[in-house]
């Protein structure tokens, strides 16, 4: 039994759980494209850790999210940008990247917007 427990501890010690990270700031830029349902957002001038995602400044409202969910987030961002309010954007530090054309890990996918 001790050997099984030790083996399980060794096997699972290398796994890490993704954590939510949050960044806040005024909405600097919102970009939409005709060729994709993904909406790109910048809320800060500084680089923010993105784990495995290559872009360190831009967040994405994922094209895989429901149309209604994207519309709600887009409306919140437009309102915040128009009034100069700050938003809180939460994302996963590992994984959770939005693909862009052939690259699978470009933008940090927004998980929660407040």
PDB file of N, CA and C in Angstrom:
ATOM      1  N   UNK A   1       0.830  -1.203   0.000  1.00  0.00           N
ATOM      2  CA  UNK A   1       0.000   0.000   0.000  1.00  0.00           C
ATOM      3  C   UNK A   1       0.869   1.261   0.000  1.00  0.00           C
ATOM      4  N   UNK A   2       1.967   1.230   0.755  1.00  0.00           N
ATOM      5  CA  UNK A   2       2.870   2.387   0.786  1.00  0.00           C
ATOM      6  C   UNK A   2       3.467   2.648  -0.590  1.00  0.00           C
ATOM      7  N   UNK A   3       3.794   1.573  -1.297  1.00  0.00           N
ATOM      8  CA  UNK A   3       4.372   1.722  -2.638  1.00  0.00           C
ATOM      9  C   UNK A   3       3.376   2.343  -3.611  1.00  0.00           C
ATOM     10  N   UNK A   4       2.130   1.943  -3.509  1.00  0.00           N
ATOM     11  CA  UNK A   4       1.093   2.504  -4.382  1.00  0.00           C
ATOM     12  C   UNK A   4       0.895   3.982  -4.087  1.00  0.00           C
ATOM     13  N   UNK A   5       0.847   4.330  -2.808  1.00  0.00           N
ATOM     14  CA  UNK A   5       0.691   5.733  -2.420  1.00  0.00           C
ATOM     15  C   UNK A   5       1.872   6.560  -2.909  1.00  0.00           C
ATOM     16  N   UNK A   6       3.076   6.044  -2.731  1.00  0.00           N
ATOM     17  CA  UNK A   6       4.271   6.760  -3.189  1.00  0.00           C
ATOM     18  C   UNK A   6       4.255   6.931  -4.698  1.00  0.00           C
ATOM     19  N   UNK A   7       3.861   5.888  -5.413  1.00  0.00           N
ATOM     20  CA  UNK A   7       3.787   5.960  -6.872  1.00  0.00           C
ATOM     21  C   UNK A   7       2.778   7.010  -7.321  1.00  0.00           C
ATOM     22  N   UNK A   8       1.622   7.061  -6.689  1.00  0.00           N
ATOM     23  CA  UNK A   8       0.605   8.049  -7.026  1.00  0.00           C
ATOM     24  C   UNK A   8       1.094   9.468  -6.753  1.00  0.00           C
ATOM     25  N   UNK A   9       1.770   9.673  -5.653  1.00  0.00           N
ATOM     26  CA  UNK A   9       2.311  11.001  -5.340  1.00  0.00           C
ATOM     27  C   UNK A   9       3.322  11.447  -6.381  1.00  0.00           C
ATOM     28  N   UNK A  10       4.173  10.541  -6.825  1.00  0.00           N
ATOM     29  CA  UNK A  10       5.165  10.869  -7.845  1.00  0.00           C
ATOM     30  C   UNK A  10       4.483  11.195  -9.168  1.00  0.00           C
ATOM     31  N   UNK A  11       3.499  10.394  -9.549  1.00  0.00           N
ATOM     32  CA  UNK A  11       2.812  10.621 -10.818  1.00  0.00           C
ATOM     33  C   UNK A  11       2.079  11.949 -10.848  1.00  0.00           C
ATOM     34  N   UNK A  12       1.412  12.303  -9.771  1.00  0.00           N
ATOM     35  CA  UNK A  12       0.599  13.515  -9.758  1.00  0.00           C
ATOM     36  C   UNK A  12       1.353  14.759  -9.317  1.00  0.00           C
ATOM     37  N   UNK A  13       2.591  14.645  -8.900  1.00  0.00           N
ATOM     38  CA  UNK A  13       3.338  15.814  -8.457  1.00  0.00           C
ATOM     39  C   UNK A  13       3.722  16.717  -9.612  1.00  0.00           C
ATOM     40  N   UNK A  14       3.762  16.190 -10.829  1.00  0.00           N
ATOM     41  CA  UNK A  14       4.137  16.992 -11.984  1.00  0.00           C
ATOM     42  C   UNK A  14       2.970  17.745 -12.596  1.00  0.00           C
ATOM     43  N   UNK A  15       1.749  17.418 -12.195  1.00  0.00           N
ATOM     44  CA  UNK A  15       0.577  18.103 -12.727  1.00  0.00           C
ATOM     45  C   UNK A  15       0.349  19.392 -11.960  1.00  0.00           C
ATOM     46  N   UNK A  16       0.054  20.454 -12.683  1.00  0.00           N
ATOM     47  CA  UNK A  16      -0.272  21.712 -12.038  1.00  0.00           C
ATOM     48  C   UNK A  16      -1.671  22.120 -12.456  1.00  0.00           C
ATOM     49  N   UNK A  17      -2.329  22.822 -11.592  1.00  0.00           N
ATOM     50  CA  UNK A  17      -3.663  23.303 -11.892  1.00  0.00           C
ATOM     51  C   UNK A  17      -3.549  24.720 -12.462  1.00  0.00           C
ATOM     52  N   UNK A  18      -4.293  24.985 -13.520  1.00  0.00           N
ATOM     53  CA  UNK A  18      -4.330  26.331 -14.071  1.00  0.00           C
ATOM     54  C   UNK A  18      -5.043  27.243 -13.077  1.00  0.00           C
ATOM     55  N   UNK A  19      -4.560  28.474 -12.984  1.00  0.00           N
ATOM     56  CA  UNK A  19      -5.142  29.444 -12.068  1.00  0.00           C
ATOM     57  C   UNK A  19      -5.714  30.609 -12.867  1.00  0.00           C
ATOM     58  N   UNK A  20      -6.703  31.244 -12.266  1.00  0.00           N
ATOM     59  CA  UNK A  20      -7.226  32.472 -12.869  1.00  0.00           C
ATOM     60  C   UNK A  20      -6.324  33.614 -12.472  1.00  0.00           C
ATOM     61  N   UNK A  21      -5.971  34.437 -13.447  1.00  0.00           N
ATOM     62  CA  UNK A  21      -5.243  35.673 -13.205  1.00  0.00           C
ATOM     63  C   UNK A  21      -6.166  36.807 -13.610  1.00  0.00           C
ATOM     64  N   UNK A  22      -5.990  37.949 -12.989  1.00  0.00           N
ATOM     65  CA  UNK A  22      -6.859  39.097 -13.286  1.00  0.00           C
ATOM     66  C   UNK A  22      -6.008  40.330 -13.539  1.00  0.00           C
ATOM     67  N   UNK A  23      -6.396  41.079 -14.539  1.00  0.00           N
ATOM     68  CA  UNK A  23      -5.767  42.353 -14.843  1.00  0.00           C
ATOM     69  C   UNK A  23      -6.884  43.397 -14.931  1.00  0.00           C
ATOM     70  N   UNK A  24      -6.580  44.612 -14.517  1.00  0.00           N
ATOM     71  CA  UNK A  24      -7.597  45.669 -14.590  1.00  0.00           C
ATOM     72  C   UNK A  24      -7.019  46.886 -15.288  1.00  0.00           C
ATOM     73  N   UNK A  25      -7.908  47.674 -15.819  1.00  0.00           N
ATOM     74  CA  UNK A  25      -7.500  48.909 -16.472  1.00  0.00           C
ATOM     75  C   UNK A  25      -8.594  49.407 -17.389  1.00  0.00           C
ATOM     76  N   UNK A  26      -8.397  50.601 -17.914  1.00  0.00           N
ATOM     77  CA  UNK A  26      -9.364  51.116 -18.885  1.00  0.00           C
ATOM     78  C   UNK A  26      -9.221  50.362 -20.198  1.00  0.00           C
ATOM     79  N   UNK A  27     -10.290  50.302 -20.948  1.00  0.00           N
ATOM     80  CA  UNK A  27     -10.264  49.623 -22.247  1.00  0.00           C
ATOM     81  C   UNK A  27      -9.510  50.519 -23.223  1.00  0.00           C
ATOM     82  N   UNK A  28      -8.372  50.042 -23.687  1.00  0.00           N
ATOM     83  CA  UNK A  28      -7.533  50.820 -24.601  1.00  0.00           C
ATOM     84  C   UNK A  28      -7.974  50.658 -26.050  1.00  0.00           C
ATOM     85  N   UNK A  29      -8.349  49.409 -26.401  1.00  0.00           N
ATOM     86  CA  UNK A  29      -8.642  49.142 -27.809  1.00  0.00           C
ATOM     87  C   UNK A  29      -9.535  47.919 -27.916  1.00  0.00           C
ATOM     88  N   UNK A  30     -10.505  47.970 -28.819  1.00  0.00           N
ATOM     89  CA  UNK A  30     -11.357  46.827 -29.151  1.00  0.00           C
ATOM     90  C   UNK A  30     -11.273  46.642 -30.662  1.00  0.00           C
ATOM     91  N   UNK A  31     -10.980  45.418 -31.091  1.00  0.00           N
ATOM     92  CA  UNK A  31     -10.822  45.160 -32.519  1.00  0.00           C
ATOM     93  C   UNK A  31     -11.710  43.991 -32.922  1.00  0.00           C
ATOM     94  N   UNK A  32     -12.475  44.174 -33.991  1.00  0.00           N
ATOM     95  CA  UNK A  32     -13.265  43.089 -34.569  1.00  0.00           C
ATOM     96  C   UNK A  32     -12.862  42.942 -36.033  1.00  0.00           C
ATOM     97  N   UNK A  33     -13.002  41.737 -36.540  1.00  0.00           N
ATOM     98  CA  UNK A  33     -12.666  41.447 -37.931  1.00  0.00           C
ATOM     99  C   UNK A  33     -13.860  40.781 -38.609  1.00  0.00           C
ATOM    100  N   UNK A  34     -13.987  40.989 -39.913  1.00  0.00           N
ATOM    101  CA  UNK A  34     -15.080  40.383 -40.674  1.00  0.00           C
ATOM    102  C   UNK A  34     -14.888  38.881 -40.843  1.00  0.00           C
ATOM    103  N   UNK A  35     -13.663  38.400 -40.805  1.00  0.00           N
ATOM    104  CA  UNK A  35     -13.399  36.990 -41.097  1.00  0.00           C
ATOM    105  C   UNK A  35     -13.488  36.075 -39.870  1.00  0.00           C
ATOM    106  N   UNK A  36     -13.708  36.614 -38.685  1.00  0.00           N
ATOM    107  CA  UNK A  36     -13.768  35.777 -37.488  1.00  0.00           C
ATOM    108  C   UNK A  36     -14.753  36.367 -36.478  1.00  0.00           C
ATOM    109  N   UNK A  37     -15.282  35.532 -35.628  1.00  0.00           N
ATOM    110  CA  UNK A  37     -16.186  35.979 -34.567  1.00  0.00           C
ATOM    111  C   UNK A  37     -15.413  36.370 -33.308  1.00  0.00           C
ATOM    112  N   UNK A  38     -14.103  36.182 -33.289  1.00  0.00           N
ATOM    113  CA  UNK A  38     -13.275  36.538 -32.144  1.00  0.00           C
ATOM    114  C   UNK A  38     -13.169  38.055 -32.046  1.00  0.00           C
ATOM    115  N   UNK A  39     -13.301  38.579 -30.826  1.00  0.00           N
ATOM    116  CA  UNK A  39     -13.159  40.008 -30.565  1.00  0.00           C
ATOM    117  C   UNK A  39     -11.896  40.200 -29.738  1.00  0.00           C
ATOM    118  N   UNK A  40     -11.012  41.087 -30.168  1.00  0.00           N
ATOM    119  CA  UNK A  40      -9.749  41.324 -29.471  1.00  0.00           C
ATOM    120  C   UNK A  40      -9.836  42.595 -28.635  1.00  0.00           C
ATOM    121  N   UNK A  41      -9.208  42.554 -27.447  1.00  0.00           N
ATOM    122  CA  UNK A  41      -9.327  43.645 -26.479  1.00  0.00           C
ATOM    123  C   UNK A  41      -7.978  43.914 -25.822  1.00  0.00           C
ATOM    124  N   UNK A  42      -7.643  45.191 -25.646  1.00  0.00           N
ATOM    125  CA  UNK A  42      -6.480  45.581 -24.849  1.00  0.00           C
ATOM    126  C   UNK A  42      -6.975  46.439 -23.699  1.00  0.00           C
ATOM    127  N   UNK A  43      -6.549  46.105 -22.486  1.00  0.00           N
ATOM    128  CA  UNK A  43      -6.975  46.880 -21.312  1.00  0.00           C
ATOM    129  C   UNK A  43      -5.810  47.492 -20.549  1.00  0.00           C
ATOM    130  N   UNK A  44      -4.601  47.278 -20.997  1.00  0.00           N
ATOM    131  CA  UNK A  44      -3.457  47.783 -20.266  1.00  0.00           C
ATOM    132  C   UNK A  44      -2.306  48.018 -21.228  1.00  0.00           C
ATOM    133  N   UNK A  45      -1.432  48.948 -20.903  1.00  0.00           N
ATOM    134  CA  UNK A  45      -0.265  49.187 -21.732  1.00  0.00           C
ATOM    135  C   UNK A  45       0.884  48.250 -21.402  1.00  0.00           C
ATOM    136  N   UNK A  46       0.797  47.598 -20.253  1.00  0.00           N
ATOM    137  CA  UNK A  46       1.910  46.756 -19.830  1.00  0.00           C
ATOM    138  C   UNK A  46       1.696  45.299 -20.229  1.00  0.00           C
ATOM    139  N   UNK A  47       2.815  44.593 -20.394  1.00  0.00           N
ATOM    140  CA  UNK A  47       2.749  43.158 -20.682  1.00  0.00           C
ATOM    141  C   UNK A  47       2.288  42.443 -19.431  1.00  0.00           C
ATOM    142  N   UNK A  48       1.383  41.508 -19.607  1.00  0.00           N
ATOM    143  CA  UNK A  48       0.848  40.731 -18.494  1.00  0.00           C
ATOM    144  C   UNK A  48       1.149  39.268 -18.781  1.00  0.00           C
ATOM    145  N   UNK A  49       1.581  38.532 -17.770  1.00  0.00           N
ATOM    146  CA  UNK A  49       1.893  37.119 -17.943  1.00  0.00           C
ATOM    147  C   UNK A  49       0.771  36.376 -18.627  1.00  0.00           C
ATOM    148  N   UNK A  50       1.113  35.543 -19.573  1.00  0.00           N
ATOM    149  CA  UNK A  50       0.084  34.840 -20.332  1.00  0.00           C
ATOM    150  C   UNK A  50       0.330  33.353 -20.394  1.00  0.00           C
ATOM    151  N   UNK A  51       1.244  32.844 -19.589  1.00  0.00           N
ATOM    152  CA  UNK A  51       1.508  31.413 -19.625  1.00  0.00           C
ATOM    153  C   UNK A  51       1.931  30.968 -20.997  1.00  0.00           C
ATOM    154  N   UNK A  52       1.170  30.113 -21.608  1.00  0.00           N
ATOM    155  CA  UNK A  52       1.541  29.547 -22.901  1.00  0.00           C
ATOM    156  C   UNK A  52       1.083  30.389 -24.092  1.00  0.00           C
ATOM    157  N   UNK A  53       0.314  31.444 -23.862  1.00  0.00           N
ATOM    158  CA  UNK A  53      -0.150  32.304 -24.958  1.00  0.00           C
ATOM    159  C   UNK A  53       0.983  33.232 -25.392  1.00  0.00           C
ATOM    160  N   UNK A  54       1.130  33.434 -26.692  1.00  0.00           N
ATOM    161  CA  UNK A  54       2.258  34.217 -27.188  1.00  0.00           C
ATOM    162  C   UNK A  54       2.062  35.727 -27.080  1.00  0.00           C
ATOM    163  N   UNK A  55       0.837  36.228 -27.202  1.00  0.00           N
ATOM    164  CA  UNK A  55       0.595  37.665 -27.121  1.00  0.00           C
ATOM    165  C   UNK A  55       0.422  38.058 -25.663  1.00  0.00           C
ATOM    166  N   UNK A  56       1.197  39.015 -25.200  1.00  0.00           N
ATOM    167  CA  UNK A  56       1.215  39.392 -23.785  1.00  0.00           C
ATOM    168  C   UNK A  56       0.341  40.604 -23.462  1.00  0.00           C
ATOM    169  N   UNK A  57      -0.298  41.221 -24.464  1.00  0.00           N
ATOM    170  CA  UNK A  57      -1.107  42.419 -24.219  1.00  0.00           C
ATOM    171  C   UNK A  57      -2.575  42.268 -24.569  1.00  0.00           C
ATOM    172  N   UNK A  58      -2.883  41.425 -25.521  1.00  0.00           N
ATOM    173  CA  UNK A  58      -4.234  41.370 -26.074  1.00  0.00           C
ATOM    174  C   UNK A  58      -5.003  40.170 -25.540  1.00  0.00           C
ATOM    175  N   UNK A  59      -6.270  40.419 -25.214  1.00  0.00           N
ATOM    176  CA  UNK A  59      -7.187  39.373 -24.762  1.00  0.00           C
ATOM    177  C   UNK A  59      -8.171  39.080 -25.886  1.00  0.00           C
ATOM    178  N   UNK A  60      -8.829  37.933 -25.810  1.00  0.00           N
ATOM    179  CA  UNK A  60      -9.798  37.557 -26.836  1.00  0.00           C
ATOM    180  C   UNK A  60     -11.108  37.137 -26.196  1.00  0.00           C
ATOM    181  N   UNK A  61     -12.200  37.641 -26.755  1.00  0.00           N
ATOM    182  CA  UNK A  61     -13.515  37.074 -26.478  1.00  0.00           C
ATOM    183  C   UNK A  61     -13.651  35.983 -27.525  1.00  0.00           C
ATOM    184  N   UNK A  62     -13.653  34.757 -27.088  1.00  0.00           N
ATOM    185  CA  UNK A  62     -13.516  33.607 -27.965  1.00  0.00           C
ATOM    186  C   UNK A  62     -14.659  33.451 -28.962  1.00  0.00           C
ATOM    187  N   UNK A  63     -14.304  33.006 -30.150  1.00  0.00           N
ATOM    188  CA  UNK A  63     -15.300  32.692 -31.169  1.00  0.00           C
ATOM    189  C   UNK A  63     -16.087  31.439 -30.800  1.00  0.00           C
ATOM    190  N   UNK A  64     -15.573  30.664 -29.840  1.00  0.00           N
ATOM    191  CA  UNK A  64     -16.282  29.456 -29.414  1.00  0.00           C
ATOM    192  C   UNK A  64     -17.348  29.747 -28.367  1.00  0.00           C
ATOM    193  N   UNK A  65     -17.357  30.960 -27.844  1.00  0.00           N
ATOM    194  CA  UNK A  65     -18.375  31.361 -26.869  1.00  0.00           C
ATOM    195  C   UNK A  65     -19.702  31.565 -27.596  1.00  0.00           C
ATOM    196  N   UNK A  66     -20.787  31.451 -26.879  1.00  0.00           N
ATOM    197  CA  UNK A  66     -22.097  31.660 -27.507  1.00  0.00           C
ATOM    198  C   UNK A  66     -22.199  33.088 -28.029  1.00  0.00           C
ATOM    199  N   UNK A  67     -23.033  33.265 -29.028  1.00  0.00           N
ATOM    200  CA  UNK A  67     -23.232  34.590 -29.607  1.00  0.00           C
ATOM    201  C   UNK A  67     -23.719  35.578 -28.545  1.00  0.00           C
ATOM    202  N   UNK A  68     -24.619  35.127 -27.687  1.00  0.00           N
ATOM    203  CA  UNK A  68     -25.140  35.987 -26.623  1.00  0.00           C
ATOM    204  C   UNK A  68     -24.043  36.352 -25.617  1.00  0.00           C
ATOM    205  N   UNK A  69     -23.209  35.388 -25.261  1.00  0.00           N
ATOM    206  CA  UNK A  69     -22.113  35.657 -24.327  1.00  0.00           C
ATOM    207  C   UNK A  69     -21.133  36.667 -24.893  1.00  0.00           C
ATOM    208  N   UNK A  70     -20.772  36.508 -26.176  1.00  0.00           N
ATOM    209  CA  UNK A  70     -19.877  37.478 -26.827  1.00  0.00           C
ATOM    210  C   UNK A  70     -20.511  38.858 -26.859  1.00  0.00           C
ATOM    211  N   UNK A  71     -21.800  38.915 -27.167  1.00  0.00           N
ATOM    212  CA  UNK A  71     -22.499  40.211 -27.253  1.00  0.00           C
ATOM    213  C   UNK A  71     -22.519  40.913 -25.897  1.00  0.00           C
ATOM    214  N   UNK A  72     -22.737  40.164 -24.822  1.00  0.00           N
ATOM    215  CA  UNK A  72     -22.741  40.770 -23.476  1.00  0.00           C
ATOM    216  C   UNK A  72     -21.369  41.339 -23.135  1.00  0.00           C
ATOM    217  N   UNK A  73     -20.321  40.554 -23.378  1.00  0.00           N
ATOM    218  CA  UNK A  73     -18.964  41.039 -23.074  1.00  0.00           C
ATOM    219  C   UNK A  73     -18.608  42.242 -23.940  1.00  0.00           C
ATOM    220  N   UNK A  74     -18.957  42.180 -25.211  1.00  0.00           N
ATOM    221  CA  UNK A  74     -18.677  43.287 -26.123  1.00  0.00           C
ATOM    222  C   UNK A  74     -19.386  44.560 -25.650  1.00  0.00           C
ATOM    223  N   UNK A  75     -20.648  44.433 -25.234  1.00  0.00           N
ATOM    224  CA  UNK A  75     -21.407  45.591 -24.738  1.00  0.00           C
ATOM    225  C   UNK A  75     -20.762  46.162 -23.472  1.00  0.00           C
ATOM    226  N   UNK A  76     -20.309  45.286 -22.572  1.00  0.00           N
ATOM    227  CA  UNK A  76     -19.645  45.761 -21.357  1.00  0.00           C
ATOM    228  C   UNK A  76     -18.377  46.531 -21.690  1.00  0.00           C
ATOM    229  N   UNK A  77     -17.607  46.020 -22.638  1.00  0.00           N
ATOM    230  CA  UNK A  77     -16.361  46.682 -23.022  1.00  0.00           C
ATOM    231  C   UNK A  77     -16.608  48.019 -23.693  1.00  0.00           C
ATOM    232  N   UNK A  78     -17.602  48.066 -24.589  1.00  0.00           N
ATOM    233  CA  UNK A  78     -17.930  49.335 -25.251  1.00  0.00           C
ATOM    234  C   UNK A  78     -18.391  50.376 -24.241  1.00  0.00           C
ATOM    235  N   UNK A  79     -19.214  49.965 -23.294  1.00  0.00           N
ATOM    236  CA  UNK A  79     -19.697  50.877 -22.256  1.00  0.00           C
ATOM    237  C   UNK A  79     -18.542  51.391 -21.399  1.00  0.00           C
ATOM    238  N   UNK A  80     -17.665  50.500 -20.997  1.00  0.00           N
ATOM    239  CA  UNK A  80     -16.521  50.899 -20.172  1.00  0.00           C
ATOM    240  C   UNK A  80     -15.597  51.839 -20.940  1.00  0.00           C
ATOM    241  N   UNK A  81     -15.392  51.554 -22.215  1.00  0.00           N
ATOM    242  CA  UNK A  81     -14.526  52.415 -23.023  1.00  0.00           C
ATOM    243  C   UNK A  81     -15.149  53.799 -23.194  1.00  0.00           C
ATOM    244  N   UNK A  82     -16.441  53.854 -23.436  1.00  0.00           N
ATOM    245  CA  UNK A  82     -17.121  55.138 -23.651  1.00  0.00           C
ATOM    246  C   UNK A  82     -17.165  55.995 -22.391  1.00  0.00           C
ATOM    247  N   UNK A  83     -17.236  55.366 -21.234  1.00  0.00           N
ATOM    248  CA  UNK A  83     -17.331  56.117 -19.975  1.00  0.00           C
ATOM    249  C   UNK A  83     -16.002  56.248 -19.251  1.00  0.00           C
ATOM    250  N   UNK A  84     -14.949  55.602 -19.767  1.00  0.00           N
ATOM    251  CA  UNK A  84     -13.635  55.692 -19.133  1.00  0.00           C
ATOM    252  C   UNK A  84     -13.482  54.829 -17.888  1.00  0.00           C
ATOM    253  N   UNK A  85     -14.419  53.923 -17.646  1.00  0.00           N
ATOM    254  CA  UNK A  85     -14.324  53.039 -16.479  1.00  0.00           C
ATOM    255  C   UNK A  85     -13.314  51.932 -16.721  1.00  0.00           C
ATOM    256  N   UNK A  86     -12.764  51.423 -15.629  1.00  0.00           N
ATOM    257  CA  UNK A  86     -11.871  50.270 -15.707  1.00  0.00           C
ATOM    258  C   UNK A  86     -12.671  48.982 -15.714  1.00  0.00           C
ATOM    259  N   UNK A  87     -12.108  47.956 -16.321  1.00  0.00           N
ATOM    260  CA  UNK A  87     -12.702  46.626 -16.300  1.00  0.00           C
ATOM    261  C   UNK A  87     -11.712  45.671 -15.647  1.00  0.00           C
ATOM    262  N   UNK A  88     -12.236  44.584 -15.125  1.00  0.00           N
ATOM    263  CA  UNK A  88     -11.419  43.501 -14.593  1.00  0.00           C
ATOM    264  C   UNK A  88     -11.561  42.320 -15.541  1.00  0.00           C
ATOM    265  N   UNK A  89     -10.448  41.844 -16.071  1.00  0.00           N
ATOM    266  CA  UNK A  89     -10.446  40.730 -17.003  1.00  0.00           C
ATOM    267  C   UNK A  89      -9.734  39.557 -16.344  1.00  0.00           C
ATOM    268  N   UNK A  90     -10.409  38.424 -16.252  1.00  0.00           N
ATOM    269  CA  UNK A  90      -9.801  37.212 -15.701  1.00  0.00           C
ATOM    270  C   UNK A  90      -9.571  36.212 -16.822  1.00  0.00           C
ATOM    271  N   UNK A  91      -8.453  35.502 -16.710  1.00  0.00           N
ATOM    272  CA  UNK A  91      -8.076  34.512 -17.717  1.00  0.00           C
ATOM    273  C   UNK A  91      -7.261  33.420 -17.041  1.00  0.00           C
ATOM    274  N   UNK A  92      -7.070  32.308 -17.727  1.00  0.00           N
ATOM    275  CA  UNK A  92      -6.280  31.205 -17.197  1.00  0.00           C
ATOM    276  C   UNK A  92      -4.803  31.432 -17.486  1.00  0.00           C
ATOM    277  N   UNK A  93      -3.950  31.137 -16.500  1.00  0.00           N
ATOM    278  CA  UNK A  93      -2.517  31.340 -16.699  1.00  0.00           C
ATOM    279  C   UNK A  93      -1.874  30.244 -17.534  1.00  0.00           C
ATOM    280  N   UNK A  94      -2.532  29.107 -17.670  1.00  0.00           N
ATOM    281  CA  UNK A  94      -1.980  28.003 -18.441  1.00  0.00           C
ATOM    282  C   UNK A  94      -3.086  27.430 -19.321  1.00  0.00           C
ATOM    283  N   UNK A  95      -2.812  27.338 -20.594  1.00  0.00           N
ATOM    284  CA  UNK A  95      -3.864  26.920 -21.519  1.00  0.00           C
ATOM    285  C   UNK A  95      -4.814  28.088 -21.714  1.00  0.00           C
ATOM    286  N   UNK A  96      -5.980  27.852 -22.186  1.00  0.00           N
ATOM    287  CA  UNK A  96      -6.957  28.913 -22.346  1.00  0.00           C
ATOM    288  C   UNK A  96      -6.561  29.949 -23.375  1.00  0.00           C
ATOM    289  N   UNK A  97      -5.762  29.545 -24.358  1.00  0.00           N
ATOM    290  CA  UNK A  97      -5.356  30.480 -25.404  1.00  0.00           C
ATOM    291  C   UNK A  97      -6.301  30.366 -26.592  1.00  0.00           C
ATOM    292  N   UNK A  98      -6.522  31.473 -27.253  1.00  0.00           N
ATOM    293  CA  UNK A  98      -7.380  31.524 -28.440  1.00  0.00           C
ATOM    294  C   UNK A  98      -6.508  31.384 -29.686  1.00  0.00           C
ATOM    295  N   UNK A  99      -6.921  30.510 -30.575  1.00  0.00           N
ATOM    296  CA  UNK A  99      -6.199  30.317 -31.836  1.00  0.00           C
ATOM    297  C   UNK A  99      -6.408  31.523 -32.745  1.00  0.00           C
ATOM    298  N   UNK A 100      -5.428  31.784 -33.585  1.00  0.00           N
ATOM    299  CA  UNK A 100      -5.533  32.839 -34.581  1.00  0.00           C
ATOM    300  C   UNK A 100      -4.924  32.308 -35.864  1.00  0.00           C
ATOM    301  N   UNK A 101      -5.752  32.048 -36.844  1.00  0.00           N
ATOM    302  CA  UNK A 101      -5.359  31.386 -38.089  1.00  0.00           C
ATOM    303  C   UNK A 101      -4.699  30.057 -37.734  1.00  0.00           C
ATOM    304  N   UNK A 102      -3.468  29.815 -38.144  1.00  0.00           N
ATOM    305  CA  UNK A 102      -2.822  28.528 -37.916  1.00  0.00           C
ATOM    306  C   UNK A 102      -2.188  28.371 -36.543  1.00  0.00           C
ATOM    307  N   UNK A 103      -2.018  29.468 -35.813  1.00  0.00           N
ATOM    308  CA  UNK A 103      -1.378  29.403 -34.493  1.00  0.00           C
ATOM    309  C   UNK A 103      -2.427  29.100 -33.427  1.00  0.00           C
ATOM    310  N   UNK A 104      -2.156  28.135 -32.566  1.00  0.00           N
ATOM    311  CA  UNK A 104      -3.144  27.677 -31.590  1.00  0.00           C
ATOM    312  C   UNK A 104      -3.068  28.390 -30.250  1.00  0.00           C
ATOM    313  N   UNK A 105      -2.048  29.171 -30.006  1.00  0.00           N
ATOM    314  CA  UNK A 105      -1.849  29.731 -28.665  1.00  0.00           C
ATOM    315  C   UNK A 105      -1.459  31.207 -28.712  1.00  0.00           C
ATOM    316  N   UNK A 106      -2.302  32.025 -29.303  1.00  0.00           N
ATOM    317  CA  UNK A 106      -1.934  33.426 -29.509  1.00  0.00           C
ATOM    318  C   UNK A 106      -2.479  34.344 -28.417  1.00  0.00           C
ATOM    319  N   UNK A 107      -3.797  34.485 -28.295  1.00  0.00           N
ATOM    320  CA  UNK A 107      -4.394  35.457 -27.387  1.00  0.00           C
ATOM    321  C   UNK A 107      -4.942  34.792 -26.125  1.00  0.00           C
ATOM    322  N   UNK A 108      -4.891  35.511 -25.018  1.00  0.00           N
ATOM    323  CA  UNK A 108      -5.460  35.008 -23.767  1.00  0.00           C
ATOM    324  C   UNK A 108      -6.974  35.108 -23.840  1.00  0.00           C
ATOM    325  N   UNK A 109      -7.644  33.993 -23.660  1.00  0.00           N
ATOM    326  CA  UNK A 109      -9.098  33.929 -23.745  1.00  0.00           C
ATOM    327  C   UNK A 109      -9.713  34.466 -22.450  1.00  0.00           C
ATOM    328  N   UNK A 110     -10.609  35.445 -22.563  1.00  0.00           N
ATOM    329  CA  UNK A 110     -11.274  36.011 -21.399  1.00  0.00           C
ATOM    330  C   UNK A 110     -12.204  34.957 -20.811  1.00  0.00           C
ATOM    331  N   UNK A 111     -12.028  34.716 -19.506  1.00  0.00           N
ATOM    332  CA  UNK A 111     -12.867  33.761 -18.793  1.00  0.00           C
ATOM    333  C   UNK A 111     -13.990  34.489 -18.057  1.00  0.00           C
ATOM    334  N   UNK A 112     -13.627  35.616 -17.426  1.00  0.00           N
ATOM    335  CA  UNK A 112     -14.607  36.420 -16.684  1.00  0.00           C
ATOM    336  C   UNK A 112     -14.322  37.888 -16.959  1.00  0.00           C
ATOM    337  N   UNK A 113     -15.368  38.657 -17.157  1.00  0.00           N
ATOM    338  CA  UNK A 113     -15.250  40.095 -17.375  1.00  0.00           C
ATOM    339  C   UNK A 113     -16.127  40.805 -16.362  1.00  0.00           C
ATOM    340  N   UNK A 114     -15.517  41.725 -15.603  1.00  0.00           N
ATOM    341  CA  UNK A 114     -16.268  42.482 -14.586  1.00  0.00           C
ATOM    342  C   UNK A 114     -15.986  43.952 -14.740  1.00  0.00           C
TER     343      UNK A 114
END
